[in-house]
């Protein structure tokens, strides 16, 4: 899933007038599962990879795929309760 999709789902489920804590928690839940992708992008760019190389090749390396799986599993389990 993409960060934009996480944002839309979280906004739909959690954003409520007057429920600031729930809205903040929902927003954090939006960013958490994709935080590894942003870290990966910046780390790989700092190491000299081109933007297209990051998402065509580096994104699929075992380290990053494993981290994505772990973070998305945590997010899914937290969402289910």
PDB file of N, CA and C in Angstrom:
ATOM      1  N   UNK A   1       0.844  -1.171   0.000  1.00  0.00           N
ATOM      2  CA  UNK A   1       0.000   0.000   0.000  1.00  0.00           C
ATOM      3  C   UNK A   1       0.891   1.236   0.000  1.00  0.00           C
ATOM      4  N   UNK A   2       0.363   2.340  -0.465  1.00  0.00           N
ATOM      5  CA  UNK A   2       1.123   3.579  -0.523  1.00  0.00           C
ATOM      6  C   UNK A   2       0.760   4.487   0.643  1.00  0.00           C
ATOM      7  N   UNK A   3       1.661   5.407   0.973  1.00  0.00           N
ATOM      8  CA  UNK A   3       1.423   6.341   2.065  1.00  0.00           C
ATOM      9  C   UNK A   3       0.106   7.096   1.864  1.00  0.00           C
ATOM     10  N   UNK A   4      -0.181   7.484   0.626  1.00  0.00           N
ATOM     11  CA  UNK A   4      -1.413   8.223   0.353  1.00  0.00           C
ATOM     12  C   UNK A   4      -2.642   7.378   0.707  1.00  0.00           C
ATOM     13  N   UNK A   5      -2.587   6.093   0.412  1.00  0.00           N
ATOM     14  CA  UNK A   5      -3.701   5.208   0.735  1.00  0.00           C
ATOM     15  C   UNK A   5      -3.830   5.055   2.244  1.00  0.00           C
ATOM     16  N   UNK A   6      -2.714   4.902   2.932  1.00  0.00           N
ATOM     17  CA  UNK A   6      -2.748   4.837   4.397  1.00  0.00           C
ATOM     18  C   UNK A   6      -3.365   6.108   4.963  1.00  0.00           C
ATOM     19  N   UNK A   7      -2.998   7.261   4.402  1.00  0.00           N
ATOM     20  CA  UNK A   7      -3.534   8.536   4.881  1.00  0.00           C
ATOM     21  C   UNK A   7      -5.043   8.601   4.702  1.00  0.00           C
ATOM     22  N   UNK A   8      -5.535   8.212   3.542  1.00  0.00           N
ATOM     23  CA  UNK A   8      -6.980   8.247   3.296  1.00  0.00           C
ATOM     24  C   UNK A   8      -7.744   7.300   4.214  1.00  0.00           C
ATOM     25  N   UNK A   9      -7.224   6.095   4.393  1.00  0.00           N
ATOM     26  CA  UNK A   9      -7.894   5.130   5.265  1.00  0.00           C
ATOM     27  C   UNK A   9      -7.882   5.619   6.711  1.00  0.00           C
ATOM     28  N   UNK A  10      -6.736   6.102   7.176  1.00  0.00           N
ATOM     29  CA  UNK A  10      -6.645   6.600   8.551  1.00  0.00           C
ATOM     30  C   UNK A  10      -7.540   7.811   8.769  1.00  0.00           C
ATOM     31  N   UNK A  11      -7.571   8.710   7.799  1.00  0.00           N
ATOM     32  CA  UNK A  11      -8.435   9.894   7.933  1.00  0.00           C
ATOM     33  C   UNK A  11      -9.896   9.474   8.017  1.00  0.00           C
ATOM     34  N   UNK A  12     -10.269   8.490   7.237  1.00  0.00           N
ATOM     35  CA  UNK A  12     -11.652   8.006   7.250  1.00  0.00           C
ATOM     36  C   UNK A  12     -12.002   7.346   8.572  1.00  0.00           C
ATOM     37  N   UNK A  13     -11.083   6.551   9.095  1.00  0.00           N
ATOM     38  CA  UNK A  13     -11.370   5.790  10.306  1.00  0.00           C
ATOM     39  C   UNK A  13     -11.186   6.577  11.601  1.00  0.00           C
ATOM     40  N   UNK A  14     -10.201   7.478  11.638  1.00  0.00           N
ATOM     41  CA  UNK A  14      -9.813   8.079  12.905  1.00  0.00           C
ATOM     42  C   UNK A  14     -10.134   9.555  13.064  1.00  0.00           C
ATOM     43  N   UNK A  15     -10.210  10.308  11.985  1.00  0.00           N
ATOM     44  CA  UNK A  15     -10.412  11.755  12.124  1.00  0.00           C
ATOM     45  C   UNK A  15     -11.833  12.054  12.595  1.00  0.00           C
ATOM     46  N   UNK A  16     -11.939  12.644  13.752  1.00  0.00           N
ATOM     47  CA  UNK A  16     -13.230  13.012  14.326  1.00  0.00           C
ATOM     48  C   UNK A  16     -13.112  14.407  14.936  1.00  0.00           C
ATOM     49  N   UNK A  17     -14.087  15.249  14.706  1.00  0.00           N
ATOM     50  CA  UNK A  17     -14.046  16.570  15.344  1.00  0.00           C
ATOM     51  C   UNK A  17     -13.991  16.418  16.864  1.00  0.00           C
ATOM     52  N   UNK A  18     -13.076  17.120  17.478  1.00  0.00           N
ATOM     53  CA  UNK A  18     -12.949  17.089  18.935  1.00  0.00           C
ATOM     54  C   UNK A  18     -12.206  15.882  19.480  1.00  0.00           C
ATOM     55  N   UNK A  19     -11.766  14.974  18.636  1.00  0.00           N
ATOM     56  CA  UNK A  19     -11.037  13.789  19.096  1.00  0.00           C
ATOM     57  C   UNK A  19      -9.582  13.903  18.643  1.00  0.00           C
ATOM     58  N   UNK A  20      -8.897  14.862  19.213  1.00  0.00           N
ATOM     59  CA  UNK A  20      -7.541  15.179  18.782  1.00  0.00           C
ATOM     60  C   UNK A  20      -6.573  14.012  18.953  1.00  0.00           C
ATOM     61  N   UNK A  21      -6.647  13.311  20.073  1.00  0.00           N
ATOM     62  CA  UNK A  21      -5.734  12.194  20.337  1.00  0.00           C
ATOM     63  C   UNK A  21      -5.932  11.087  19.291  1.00  0.00           C
ATOM     64  N   UNK A  22      -7.180  10.756  18.997  1.00  0.00           N
ATOM     65  CA  UNK A  22      -7.450   9.718  17.996  1.00  0.00           C
ATOM     66  C   UNK A  22      -6.954  10.145  16.622  1.00  0.00           C
ATOM     67  N   UNK A  23      -7.121  11.423  16.296  1.00  0.00           N
ATOM     68  CA  UNK A  23      -6.663  11.932  15.004  1.00  0.00           C
ATOM     69  C   UNK A  23      -5.136  11.861  14.908  1.00  0.00           C
ATOM     70  N   UNK A  24      -4.446  12.245  15.968  1.00  0.00           N
ATOM     71  CA  UNK A  24      -2.980  12.178  15.985  1.00  0.00           C
ATOM     72  C   UNK A  24      -2.516  10.725  15.899  1.00  0.00           C
ATOM     73  N   UNK A  25      -3.173   9.833  16.631  1.00  0.00           N
ATOM     74  CA  UNK A  25      -2.819   8.405  16.570  1.00  0.00           C
ATOM     75  C   UNK A  25      -3.053   7.854  15.168  1.00  0.00           C
ATOM     76  N   UNK A  26      -4.141   8.252  14.555  1.00  0.00           N
ATOM     77  CA  UNK A  26      -4.423   7.811  13.185  1.00  0.00           C
ATOM     78  C   UNK A  26      -3.388   8.315  12.206  1.00  0.00           C
ATOM     79  N   UNK A  27      -2.969   9.556  12.369  1.00  0.00           N
ATOM     80  CA  UNK A  27      -1.946  10.125  11.491  1.00  0.00           C
ATOM     81  C   UNK A  27      -0.611   9.411  11.684  1.00  0.00           C
ATOM     82  N   UNK A  28      -0.255   9.115  12.939  1.00  0.00           N
ATOM     83  CA  UNK A  28       0.984   8.368  13.200  1.00  0.00           C
ATOM     84  C   UNK A  28       0.905   6.975  12.577  1.00  0.00           C
ATOM     85  N   UNK A  29      -0.263   6.362  12.657  1.00  0.00           N
ATOM     86  CA  UNK A  29      -0.464   5.061  12.043  1.00  0.00           C
ATOM     87  C   UNK A  29      -0.361   5.111  10.532  1.00  0.00           C
ATOM     88  N   UNK A  30      -0.630   6.274   9.964  1.00  0.00           N
ATOM     89  CA  UNK A  30      -0.495   6.469   8.522  1.00  0.00           C
ATOM     90  C   UNK A  30       0.970   6.439   8.115  1.00  0.00           C
ATOM     91  N   UNK A  31       1.805   7.091   8.880  1.00  0.00           N
ATOM     92  CA  UNK A  31       3.212   7.229   8.518  1.00  0.00           C
ATOM     93  C   UNK A  31       4.061   6.028   8.908  1.00  0.00           C
ATOM     94  N   UNK A  32       3.694   5.338   9.977  1.00  0.00           N
ATOM     95  CA  UNK A  32       4.523   4.259  10.515  1.00  0.00           C
ATOM     96  C   UNK A  32       4.819   3.135   9.521  1.00  0.00           C
ATOM     97  N   UNK A  33       3.807   2.568   8.839  1.00  0.00           N
ATOM     98  CA  UNK A  33       4.109   1.419   7.978  1.00  0.00           C
ATOM     99  C   UNK A  33       5.020   1.747   6.804  1.00  0.00           C
ATOM    100  N   UNK A  34       5.062   3.008   6.395  1.00  0.00           N
ATOM    101  CA  UNK A  34       5.886   3.392   5.250  1.00  0.00           C
ATOM    102  C   UNK A  34       7.164   4.117   5.654  1.00  0.00           C
ATOM    103  N   UNK A  35       7.421   4.228   6.945  1.00  0.00           N
ATOM    104  CA  UNK A  35       8.605   4.961   7.393  1.00  0.00           C
ATOM    105  C   UNK A  35       9.885   4.332   6.863  1.00  0.00           C
ATOM    106  N   UNK A  36       9.897   3.017   6.734  1.00  0.00           N
ATOM    107  CA  UNK A  36      11.088   2.349   6.205  1.00  0.00           C
ATOM    108  C   UNK A  36      11.357   2.736   4.756  1.00  0.00           C
ATOM    109  N   UNK A  37      10.309   2.967   3.981  1.00  0.00           N
ATOM    110  CA  UNK A  37      10.485   3.346   2.576  1.00  0.00           C
ATOM    111  C   UNK A  37      11.144   4.720   2.481  1.00  0.00           C
ATOM    112  N   UNK A  38      10.721   5.640   3.316  1.00  0.00           N
ATOM    113  CA  UNK A  38      11.326   6.973   3.311  1.00  0.00           C
ATOM    114  C   UNK A  38      12.767   6.913   3.786  1.00  0.00           C
ATOM    115  N   UNK A  39      13.024   6.122   4.836  1.00  0.00           N
ATOM    116  CA  UNK A  39      14.404   5.948   5.323  1.00  0.00           C
ATOM    117  C   UNK A  39      15.256   5.312   4.230  1.00  0.00           C
ATOM    118  N   UNK A  40      14.734   4.248   3.595  1.00  0.00           N
ATOM    119  CA  UNK A  40      15.457   3.577   2.522  1.00  0.00           C
ATOM    120  C   UNK A  40      15.797   4.560   1.409  1.00  0.00           C
ATOM    121  N   UNK A  41      14.825   5.354   1.005  1.00  0.00           N
ATOM    122  CA  UNK A  41      15.039   6.297  -0.085  1.00  0.00           C
ATOM    123  C   UNK A  41      16.182   7.261   0.249  1.00  0.00           C
ATOM    124  N   UNK A  42      16.134   7.858   1.441  1.00  0.00           N
ATOM    125  CA  UNK A  42      17.170   8.824   1.819  1.00  0.00           C
ATOM    126  C   UNK A  42      18.532   8.161   2.008  1.00  0.00           C
ATOM    127  N   UNK A  43      18.569   6.981   2.618  1.00  0.00           N
ATOM    128  CA  UNK A  43      19.840   6.271   2.809  1.00  0.00           C
ATOM    129  C   UNK A  43      20.456   5.919   1.459  1.00  0.00           C
ATOM    130  N   UNK A  44      19.648   5.358   0.571  1.00  0.00           N
ATOM    131  CA  UNK A  44      20.166   4.961  -0.742  1.00  0.00           C
ATOM    132  C   UNK A  44      20.590   6.167  -1.574  1.00  0.00           C
ATOM    133  N   UNK A  45      19.851   7.260  -1.478  1.00  0.00           N
ATOM    134  CA  UNK A  45      20.236   8.479  -2.217  1.00  0.00           C
ATOM    135  C   UNK A  45      21.536   9.047  -1.660  1.00  0.00           C
ATOM    136  N   UNK A  46      21.691   9.030  -0.337  1.00  0.00           N
ATOM    137  CA  UNK A  46      22.939   9.502   0.264  1.00  0.00           C
ATOM    138  C   UNK A  46      24.119   8.617  -0.133  1.00  0.00           C
ATOM    139  N   UNK A  47      23.841   7.346  -0.404  1.00  0.00           N
ATOM    140  CA  UNK A  47      24.886   6.415  -0.845  1.00  0.00           C
ATOM    141  C   UNK A  47      25.119   6.466  -2.348  1.00  0.00           C
ATOM    142  N   UNK A  48      24.470   7.395  -3.039  1.00  0.00           N
ATOM    143  CA  UNK A  48      24.734   7.610  -4.447  1.00  0.00           C
ATOM    144  C   UNK A  48      23.796   6.951  -5.440  1.00  0.00           C
ATOM    145  N   UNK A  49      22.774   6.264  -4.962  1.00  0.00           N
ATOM    146  CA  UNK A  49      21.822   5.648  -5.884  1.00  0.00           C
ATOM    147  C   UNK A  49      20.941   6.713  -6.530  1.00  0.00           C
ATOM    148  N   UNK A  50      20.581   6.487  -7.782  1.00  0.00           N
ATOM    149  CA  UNK A  50      19.654   7.385  -8.470  1.00  0.00           C
ATOM    150  C   UNK A  50      18.234   7.034  -8.046  1.00  0.00           C
ATOM    151  N   UNK A  51      17.309   7.996  -8.160  1.00  0.00           N
ATOM    152  CA  UNK A  51      15.928   7.781  -7.737  1.00  0.00           C
ATOM    153  C   UNK A  51      15.283   6.562  -8.364  1.00  0.00           C
ATOM    154  N   UNK A  52      15.448   6.396  -9.684  1.00  0.00           N
ATOM    155  CA  UNK A  52      14.838   5.241 -10.348  1.00  0.00           C
ATOM    156  C   UNK A  52      15.489   3.937  -9.899  1.00  0.00           C
ATOM    157  N   UNK A  53      16.776   3.971  -9.602  1.00  0.00           N
ATOM    158  CA  UNK A  53      17.478   2.778  -9.128  1.00  0.00           C
ATOM    159  C   UNK A  53      16.973   2.354  -7.758  1.00  0.00           C
ATOM    160  N   UNK A  54      16.657   3.334  -6.915  1.00  0.00           N
ATOM    161  CA  UNK A  54      16.177   3.028  -5.563  1.00  0.00           C
ATOM    162  C   UNK A  54      14.911   2.193  -5.634  1.00  0.00           C
ATOM    163  N   UNK A  55      13.934   2.619  -6.417  1.00  0.00           N
ATOM    164  CA  UNK A  55      12.647   1.925  -6.422  1.00  0.00           C
ATOM    165  C   UNK A  55      12.588   0.753  -7.393  1.00  0.00           C
ATOM    166  N   UNK A  56      13.480   0.692  -8.346  1.00  0.00           N
ATOM    167  CA  UNK A  56      13.472  -0.443  -9.265  1.00  0.00           C
ATOM    168  C   UNK A  56      14.309  -1.605  -8.741  1.00  0.00           C
ATOM    169  N   UNK A  57      15.351  -1.314  -7.979  1.00  0.00           N
ATOM    170  CA  UNK A  57      16.260  -2.381  -7.541  1.00  0.00           C
ATOM    171  C   UNK A  57      16.414  -2.450  -6.028  1.00  0.00           C
ATOM    172  N   UNK A  58      16.817  -1.357  -5.394  1.00  0.00           N
ATOM    173  CA  UNK A  58      17.101  -1.367  -3.952  1.00  0.00           C
ATOM    174  C   UNK A  58      15.864  -1.711  -3.127  1.00  0.00           C
ATOM    175  N   UNK A  59      14.715  -1.227  -3.558  1.00  0.00           N
ATOM    176  CA  UNK A  59      13.444  -1.460  -2.861  1.00  0.00           C
ATOM    177  C   UNK A  59      13.189  -2.948  -2.657  1.00  0.00           C
ATOM    178  N   UNK A  60      13.669  -3.782  -3.580  1.00  0.00           N
ATOM    179  CA  UNK A  60      13.397  -5.219  -3.557  1.00  0.00           C
ATOM    180  C   UNK A  60      14.500  -6.034  -2.902  1.00  0.00           C
ATOM    181  N   UNK A  61      15.512  -5.392  -2.345  1.00  0.00           N
ATOM    182  CA  UNK A  61      16.566  -6.122  -1.649  1.00  0.00           C
ATOM    183  C   UNK A  61      16.025  -6.696  -0.342  1.00  0.00           C
ATOM    184  N   UNK A  62      16.609  -7.822   0.053  1.00  0.00           N
ATOM    185  CA  UNK A  62      16.088  -8.572   1.204  1.00  0.00           C
ATOM    186  C   UNK A  62      15.960  -7.726   2.480  1.00  0.00           C
ATOM    187  N   UNK A  63      16.954  -6.911   2.769  1.00  0.00           N
ATOM    188  CA  UNK A  63      16.907  -6.071   3.975  1.00  0.00           C
ATOM    189  C   UNK A  63      15.665  -5.187   3.986  1.00  0.00           C
ATOM    190  N   UNK A  64      15.411  -4.492   2.888  1.00  0.00           N
ATOM    191  CA  UNK A  64      14.298  -3.555   2.844  1.00  0.00           C
ATOM    192  C   UNK A  64      12.951  -4.270   2.792  1.00  0.00           C
ATOM    193  N   UNK A  65      12.884  -5.381   2.074  1.00  0.00           N
ATOM    194  CA  UNK A  65      11.626  -6.141   2.002  1.00  0.00           C
ATOM    195  C   UNK A  65      11.273  -6.692   3.377  1.00  0.00           C
ATOM    196  N   UNK A  66      12.265  -7.194   4.095  1.00  0.00           N
ATOM    197  CA  UNK A  66      12.031  -7.715   5.439  1.00  0.00           C
ATOM    198  C   UNK A  66      11.544  -6.615   6.372  1.00  0.00           C
ATOM    199  N   UNK A  67      12.194  -5.465   6.334  1.00  0.00           N
ATOM    200  CA  UNK A  67      11.782  -4.351   7.185  1.00  0.00           C
ATOM    201  C   UNK A  67      10.364  -3.895   6.843  1.00  0.00           C
ATOM    202  N   UNK A  68      10.029  -3.838   5.561  1.00  0.00           N
ATOM    203  CA  UNK A  68       8.669  -3.471   5.145  1.00  0.00           C
ATOM    204  C   UNK A  68       7.655  -4.463   5.694  1.00  0.00           C
ATOM    205  N   UNK A  69       7.967  -5.733   5.621  1.00  0.00           N
ATOM    206  CA  UNK A  69       7.055  -6.770   6.106  1.00  0.00           C
ATOM    207  C   UNK A  69       6.832  -6.648   7.608  1.00  0.00           C
ATOM    208  N   UNK A  70       7.896  -6.437   8.342  1.00  0.00           N
ATOM    209  CA  UNK A  70       7.791  -6.316   9.802  1.00  0.00           C
ATOM    210  C   UNK A  70       6.950  -5.099  10.182  1.00  0.00           C
ATOM    211  N   UNK A  71       7.238  -3.942   9.600  1.00  0.00           N
ATOM    212  CA  UNK A  71       6.487  -2.735   9.949  1.00  0.00           C
ATOM    213  C   UNK A  71       5.020  -2.833   9.552  1.00  0.00           C
ATOM    214  N   UNK A  72       4.738  -3.401   8.399  1.00  0.00           N
ATOM    215  CA  UNK A  72       3.348  -3.541   7.991  1.00  0.00           C
ATOM    216  C   UNK A  72       2.611  -4.574   8.831  1.00  0.00           C
ATOM    217  N   UNK A  73       3.312  -5.606   9.310  1.00  0.00           N
ATOM    218  CA  UNK A  73       2.683  -6.578  10.205  1.00  0.00           C
ATOM    219  C   UNK A  73       2.337  -5.927  11.528  1.00  0.00           C
ATOM    220  N   UNK A  74       3.243  -5.131  12.072  1.00  0.00           N
ATOM    221  CA  UNK A  74       2.980  -4.416  13.318  1.00  0.00           C
ATOM    222  C   UNK A  74       1.780  -3.492  13.134  1.00  0.00           C
ATOM    223  N   UNK A  75       1.748  -2.771  12.030  1.00  0.00           N
ATOM    224  CA  UNK A  75       0.649  -1.843  11.761  1.00  0.00           C
ATOM    225  C   UNK A  75      -0.669  -2.600  11.646  1.00  0.00           C
ATOM    226  N   UNK A  76      -0.680  -3.726  10.944  1.00  0.00           N
ATOM    227  CA  UNK A  76      -1.893  -4.497  10.761  1.00  0.00           C
ATOM    228  C   UNK A  76      -2.391  -5.049  12.093  1.00  0.00           C
ATOM    229  N   UNK A  77      -1.479  -5.586  12.887  1.00  0.00           N
ATOM    230  CA  UNK A  77      -1.891  -6.141  14.193  1.00  0.00           C
ATOM    231  C   UNK A  77      -2.395  -5.044  15.130  1.00  0.00           C
ATOM    232  N   UNK A  78      -1.784  -3.879  15.079  1.00  0.00           N
ATOM    233  CA  UNK A  78      -2.231  -2.759  15.922  1.00  0.00           C
ATOM    234  C   UNK A  78      -3.601  -2.270  15.478  1.00  0.00           C
ATOM    235  N   UNK A  79      -3.851  -2.303  14.178  1.00  0.00           N
ATOM    236  CA  UNK A  79      -5.145  -1.848  13.653  1.00  0.00           C
ATOM    237  C   UNK A  79      -6.265  -2.799  14.024  1.00  0.00           C
ATOM    238  N   UNK A  80      -5.944  -4.087  14.054  1.00  0.00           N
ATOM    239  CA  UNK A  80      -6.957  -5.098  14.371  1.00  0.00           C
ATOM    240  C   UNK A  80      -7.293  -5.070  15.858  1.00  0.00           C
ATOM    241  N   UNK A  81      -6.271  -4.776  16.651  1.00  0.00           N
ATOM    242  CA  UNK A  81      -6.523  -4.658  18.082  1.00  0.00           C
ATOM    243  C   UNK A  81      -6.121  -5.818  18.807  1.00  0.00           C
TER     244      UNK A  81
END
